Amino acid sequence: MLRTTLVEAAWAAARTKNTYLRAKYDRLVPRRGKKKAQIAVAHKILIAAYYIFKNREEYKELGIEFLATRTSVSSKTVNKYKTELEKLGYKVVAVEM
């Protein structure tokens, strides 16, 4: 019953505008598909609920900017490949977009 309720809440969260859960869902859909993204968002809701009850705090909406402002995995990947190319003797100049 808990899983069913969380999945329904995830569908509702995926339809809301300008929220962290919607942004998370939108980022996961191209890689995992709609149903797996839905389960991942349901898991995020469960984790949030656990910490809300544990710490007795209010829910803090992170917003869609949260995922965009975090240090992205792509920048770490770029730095890793840049270092490897420099070890191989190539000169690498990073261009920001």
N, C-alpha and C. Protein backbone atom coordinates (compact mmCIF):
# COMPACT_ATOMS: atom_id res chain seq x y z
N MET A 1 0.82 -1.19 0.00
CA MET A 1 0.00 0.00 0.00
C MET A 1 0.86 1.26 0.00
N LEU A 2 1.98 1.21 0.73
CA LEU A 2 2.85 2.37 0.78
C LEU A 2 3.44 2.67 -0.59
N ARG A 3 3.87 1.62 -1.29
CA ARG A 3 4.45 1.82 -2.62
C ARG A 3 3.44 2.45 -3.57
N THR A 4 2.21 1.96 -3.55
CA THR A 4 1.17 2.49 -4.42
C THR A 4 0.93 3.97 -4.13
N THR A 5 0.87 4.31 -2.86
CA THR A 5 0.64 5.70 -2.47
C THR A 5 1.81 6.59 -2.91
N LEU A 6 3.04 6.10 -2.72
CA LEU A 6 4.21 6.87 -3.12
C LEU A 6 4.27 7.07 -4.63
N VAL A 7 3.89 6.05 -5.38
CA VAL A 7 3.90 6.16 -6.85
C VAL A 7 2.85 7.18 -7.30
N GLU A 8 1.69 7.17 -6.68
CA GLU A 8 0.68 8.17 -7.03
C GLU A 8 1.16 9.58 -6.69
N ALA A 9 1.83 9.71 -5.56
CA ALA A 9 2.37 11.01 -5.18
C ALA A 9 3.46 11.44 -6.16
N ALA A 10 4.24 10.48 -6.66
CA ALA A 10 5.28 10.78 -7.63
C ALA A 10 4.69 11.27 -8.94
N TRP A 11 3.58 10.64 -9.38
CA TRP A 11 2.91 11.12 -10.59
C TRP A 11 2.43 12.55 -10.42
N ALA A 12 1.86 12.84 -9.25
CA ALA A 12 1.39 14.20 -8.99
C ALA A 12 2.56 15.18 -8.95
N ALA A 13 3.66 14.77 -8.33
CA ALA A 13 4.83 15.64 -8.25
C ALA A 13 5.44 15.88 -9.63
N ALA A 14 5.36 14.90 -10.50
CA ALA A 14 5.92 15.03 -11.84
C ALA A 14 5.09 16.00 -12.69
N ARG A 15 3.86 16.27 -12.29
CA ARG A 15 3.00 17.18 -13.05
C ARG A 15 3.04 18.61 -12.52
N THR A 16 3.63 18.82 -11.36
CA THR A 16 3.69 20.18 -10.81
C THR A 16 4.76 20.98 -11.54
N LYS A 17 4.62 22.28 -11.50
CA LYS A 17 5.57 23.14 -12.22
C LYS A 17 6.55 23.77 -11.24
N ASN A 18 7.78 23.94 -11.72
CA ASN A 18 8.84 24.63 -10.98
C ASN A 18 9.12 24.04 -9.61
N THR A 19 9.22 22.71 -9.54
CA THR A 19 9.58 22.06 -8.29
C THR A 19 10.79 21.16 -8.50
N TYR A 20 11.45 20.85 -7.41
CA TYR A 20 12.62 19.98 -7.46
C TYR A 20 12.25 18.59 -7.98
N LEU A 21 11.13 18.05 -7.50
CA LEU A 21 10.75 16.70 -7.91
C LEU A 21 10.42 16.64 -9.40
N ARG A 22 9.82 17.69 -9.94
CA ARG A 22 9.54 17.73 -11.38
C ARG A 22 10.85 17.78 -12.17
N ALA A 23 11.79 18.59 -11.70
CA ALA A 23 13.08 18.69 -12.37
C ALA A 23 13.82 17.35 -12.33
N LYS A 24 13.74 16.68 -11.20
CA LYS A 24 14.38 15.36 -11.07
C LYS A 24 13.74 14.37 -12.04
N TYR A 25 12.41 14.38 -12.09
CA TYR A 25 11.69 13.50 -13.01
C TYR A 25 12.09 13.78 -14.45
N ASP A 26 12.12 15.05 -14.83
CA ASP A 26 12.46 15.42 -16.20
C ASP A 26 13.88 15.01 -16.57
N ARG A 27 14.80 15.04 -15.61
CA ARG A 27 16.17 14.63 -15.90
C ARG A 27 16.31 13.12 -16.02
N LEU A 28 15.46 12.37 -15.32
CA LEU A 28 15.56 10.91 -15.33
C LEU A 28 14.85 10.26 -16.51
N VAL A 29 13.79 10.87 -17.01
CA VAL A 29 12.98 10.26 -18.07
C VAL A 29 13.80 9.89 -19.31
N PRO A 30 14.65 10.76 -19.84
CA PRO A 30 15.40 10.37 -21.05
C PRO A 30 16.33 9.18 -20.83
N ARG A 31 16.86 9.05 -19.62
CA ARG A 31 17.82 7.98 -19.36
C ARG A 31 17.16 6.67 -18.95
N ARG A 32 16.11 6.75 -18.14
CA ARG A 32 15.53 5.54 -17.56
C ARG A 32 14.14 5.20 -18.06
N GLY A 33 13.44 6.17 -18.62
CA GLY A 33 12.06 5.93 -19.01
C GLY A 33 11.12 6.47 -17.95
N LYS A 34 9.85 6.57 -18.32
CA LYS A 34 8.87 7.21 -17.44
C LYS A 34 8.61 6.42 -16.16
N LYS A 35 8.46 5.12 -16.28
CA LYS A 35 8.09 4.34 -15.09
C LYS A 35 9.22 4.26 -14.07
N LYS A 36 10.44 4.07 -14.54
CA LYS A 36 11.56 4.02 -13.60
C LYS A 36 11.84 5.39 -13.00
N ALA A 37 11.63 6.44 -13.77
CA ALA A 37 11.78 7.79 -13.24
C ALA A 37 10.72 8.05 -12.17
N GLN A 38 9.53 7.54 -12.40
CA GLN A 38 8.46 7.68 -11.43
C GLN A 38 8.82 6.98 -10.11
N ILE A 39 9.38 5.79 -10.19
CA ILE A 39 9.79 5.06 -8.99
C ILE A 39 10.91 5.81 -8.27
N ALA A 40 11.83 6.39 -9.03
CA ALA A 40 12.92 7.16 -8.42
C ALA A 40 12.39 8.38 -7.69
N VAL A 41 11.42 9.06 -8.26
CA VAL A 41 10.82 10.22 -7.59
C VAL A 41 10.05 9.77 -6.35
N ALA A 42 9.38 8.63 -6.42
CA ALA A 42 8.70 8.09 -5.24
C ALA A 42 9.71 7.81 -4.13
N HIS A 43 10.87 7.30 -4.51
CA HIS A 43 11.93 7.05 -3.53
C HIS A 43 12.41 8.35 -2.91
N LYS A 44 12.55 9.40 -3.72
CA LYS A 44 12.94 10.72 -3.20
C LYS A 44 11.91 11.22 -2.19
N ILE A 45 10.63 11.01 -2.49
CA ILE A 45 9.57 11.44 -1.58
C ILE A 45 9.67 10.68 -0.27
N LEU A 46 9.92 9.39 -0.34
CA LEU A 46 10.04 8.57 0.86
C LEU A 46 11.22 9.03 1.72
N ILE A 47 12.35 9.31 1.08
CA ILE A 47 13.53 9.78 1.82
C ILE A 47 13.23 11.12 2.48
N ALA A 48 12.59 12.03 1.73
CA ALA A 48 12.24 13.33 2.30
C ALA A 48 11.30 13.18 3.48
N ALA A 49 10.30 12.32 3.36
CA ALA A 49 9.35 12.11 4.45
C ALA A 49 10.05 11.55 5.68
N TYR A 50 10.99 10.64 5.47
CA TYR A 50 11.74 10.06 6.59
C TYR A 50 12.47 11.15 7.37
N TYR A 51 13.19 12.01 6.65
CA TYR A 51 13.95 13.05 7.34
C TYR A 51 13.07 14.14 7.93
N ILE A 52 11.92 14.38 7.33
CA ILE A 52 10.98 15.34 7.90
C ILE A 52 10.48 14.84 9.24
N PHE A 53 10.12 13.56 9.31
CA PHE A 53 9.64 12.99 10.57
C PHE A 53 10.77 12.84 11.58
N LYS A 54 11.93 12.43 11.12
CA LYS A 54 13.06 12.20 12.02
C LYS A 54 13.52 13.49 12.67
N ASN A 55 13.67 14.54 11.87
CA ASN A 55 14.21 15.80 12.38
C ASN A 55 13.13 16.79 12.81
N ARG A 56 11.87 16.42 12.61
CA ARG A 56 10.73 17.28 12.95
C ARG A 56 10.88 18.66 12.33
N GLU A 57 11.11 18.67 11.02
CA GLU A 57 11.28 19.92 10.28
C GLU A 57 10.20 20.04 9.23
N GLU A 58 10.06 21.25 8.70
CA GLU A 58 9.15 21.47 7.59
C GLU A 58 9.84 21.07 6.29
N TYR A 59 9.03 20.76 5.28
CA TYR A 59 9.58 20.45 3.98
C TYR A 59 10.11 21.72 3.33
N LYS A 60 11.32 21.67 2.82
CA LYS A 60 11.92 22.82 2.15
C LYS A 60 12.01 22.52 0.66
N GLU A 61 11.26 23.23 -0.13
CA GLU A 61 11.28 23.05 -1.58
C GLU A 61 12.59 23.61 -2.12
N LEU A 62 13.35 22.78 -2.81
CA LEU A 62 14.64 23.20 -3.33
C LEU A 62 14.51 23.97 -4.63
N GLY A 63 13.45 23.73 -5.38
CA GLY A 63 13.24 24.44 -6.64
C GLY A 63 14.02 23.80 -7.79
N ILE A 64 13.70 24.25 -8.98
CA ILE A 64 14.33 23.66 -10.17
C ILE A 64 15.78 24.12 -10.31
N GLU A 65 16.15 25.21 -9.68
CA GLU A 65 17.51 25.72 -9.79
C GLU A 65 18.51 24.84 -9.05
N PHE A 66 18.06 24.08 -8.07
CA PHE A 66 18.95 23.28 -7.25
C PHE A 66 19.79 22.32 -8.08
N LEU A 67 19.16 21.62 -8.99
CA LEU A 67 19.89 20.66 -9.82
C LEU A 67 20.82 21.36 -10.80
N ALA A 68 20.44 22.54 -11.25
CA ALA A 68 21.26 23.27 -12.22
C ALA A 68 22.48 23.90 -11.56
N THR A 69 22.37 24.31 -10.31
CA THR A 69 23.47 25.00 -9.65
C THR A 69 24.46 24.06 -8.98
N ARG A 70 24.07 22.82 -8.77
CA ARG A 70 25.02 21.87 -8.17
C ARG A 70 26.18 21.63 -9.11
N THR A 71 27.31 21.28 -8.55
CA THR A 71 28.45 20.94 -9.38
C THR A 71 28.07 19.70 -10.17
N SER A 72 28.05 19.86 -11.45
CA SER A 72 27.55 18.79 -12.28
C SER A 72 28.60 17.70 -12.47
N VAL A 73 28.12 16.53 -12.75
CA VAL A 73 29.00 15.39 -13.03
C VAL A 73 29.78 15.65 -14.31
N SER A 74 29.18 16.37 -15.23
CA SER A 74 29.85 16.62 -16.51
C SER A 74 31.12 17.44 -16.32
N SER A 75 31.13 18.41 -15.40
CA SER A 75 32.34 19.19 -15.18
C SER A 75 33.44 18.33 -14.57
N LYS A 76 33.06 17.39 -13.71
CA LYS A 76 34.04 16.47 -13.15
C LYS A 76 34.59 15.56 -14.24
N THR A 77 33.72 15.14 -15.13
CA THR A 77 34.14 14.28 -16.23
C THR A 77 35.08 15.02 -17.16
N VAL A 78 34.78 16.27 -17.44
CA VAL A 78 35.63 17.07 -18.31
C VAL A 78 37.02 17.21 -17.70
N ASN A 79 37.08 17.50 -16.41
CA ASN A 79 38.37 17.64 -15.75
C ASN A 79 39.16 16.33 -15.76
N LYS A 80 38.47 15.23 -15.58
CA LYS A 80 39.12 13.93 -15.60
C LYS A 80 39.74 13.65 -16.97
N TYR A 81 38.97 13.86 -18.03
CA TYR A 81 39.49 13.61 -19.37
C TYR A 81 40.57 14.60 -19.76
N LYS A 82 40.44 15.83 -19.28
CA LYS A 82 41.47 16.83 -19.56
C LYS A 82 42.80 16.38 -18.96
N THR A 83 42.78 15.91 -17.72
CA THR A 83 43.99 15.44 -17.06
C THR A 83 44.60 14.25 -17.80
N GLU A 84 43.74 13.32 -18.22
CA GLU A 84 44.24 12.15 -18.94
C GLU A 84 44.85 12.53 -20.28
N LEU A 85 44.24 13.48 -20.99
CA LEU A 85 44.80 13.92 -22.26
C LEU A 85 46.14 14.63 -22.07
N GLU A 86 46.24 15.41 -20.99
CA GLU A 86 47.50 16.09 -20.72
C GLU A 86 48.60 15.09 -20.38
N LYS A 87 48.26 14.01 -19.71
CA LYS A 87 49.24 12.95 -19.42
C LYS A 87 49.74 12.30 -20.70
N LEU A 88 48.87 12.24 -21.71
CA LEU A 88 49.25 11.64 -22.99
C LEU A 88 50.04 12.61 -23.87
N GLY A 89 50.20 13.86 -23.42
CA GLY A 89 51.01 14.82 -24.16
C GLY A 89 50.22 15.83 -24.99
N TYR A 90 48.91 15.83 -24.88
CA TYR A 90 48.10 16.80 -25.62
C TYR A 90 47.95 18.08 -24.81
N LYS A 91 47.84 19.19 -25.51
CA LYS A 91 47.56 20.46 -24.86
C LYS A 91 46.06 20.70 -24.95
N VAL A 92 45.41 20.88 -23.82
CA VAL A 92 43.96 21.00 -23.77
C VAL A 92 43.57 22.39 -23.26
N VAL A 93 42.68 23.04 -23.98
CA VAL A 93 42.14 24.33 -23.57
C VAL A 93 40.64 24.15 -23.39
N ALA A 94 40.15 24.40 -22.19
CA ALA A 94 38.72 24.25 -21.90
C ALA A 94 37.98 25.51 -22.32
N VAL A 95 36.88 25.35 -23.02
CA VAL A 95 36.04 26.46 -23.45
C VAL A 95 34.70 26.32 -22.74
N GLU A 96 34.29 27.35 -22.00
CA GLU A 96 33.01 27.31 -21.31
C GLU A 96 31.91 27.72 -22.24
N MET A 97 30.77 27.07 -22.07
CA MET A 97 29.61 27.38 -22.93
C MET A 97 28.56 28.09 -22.15
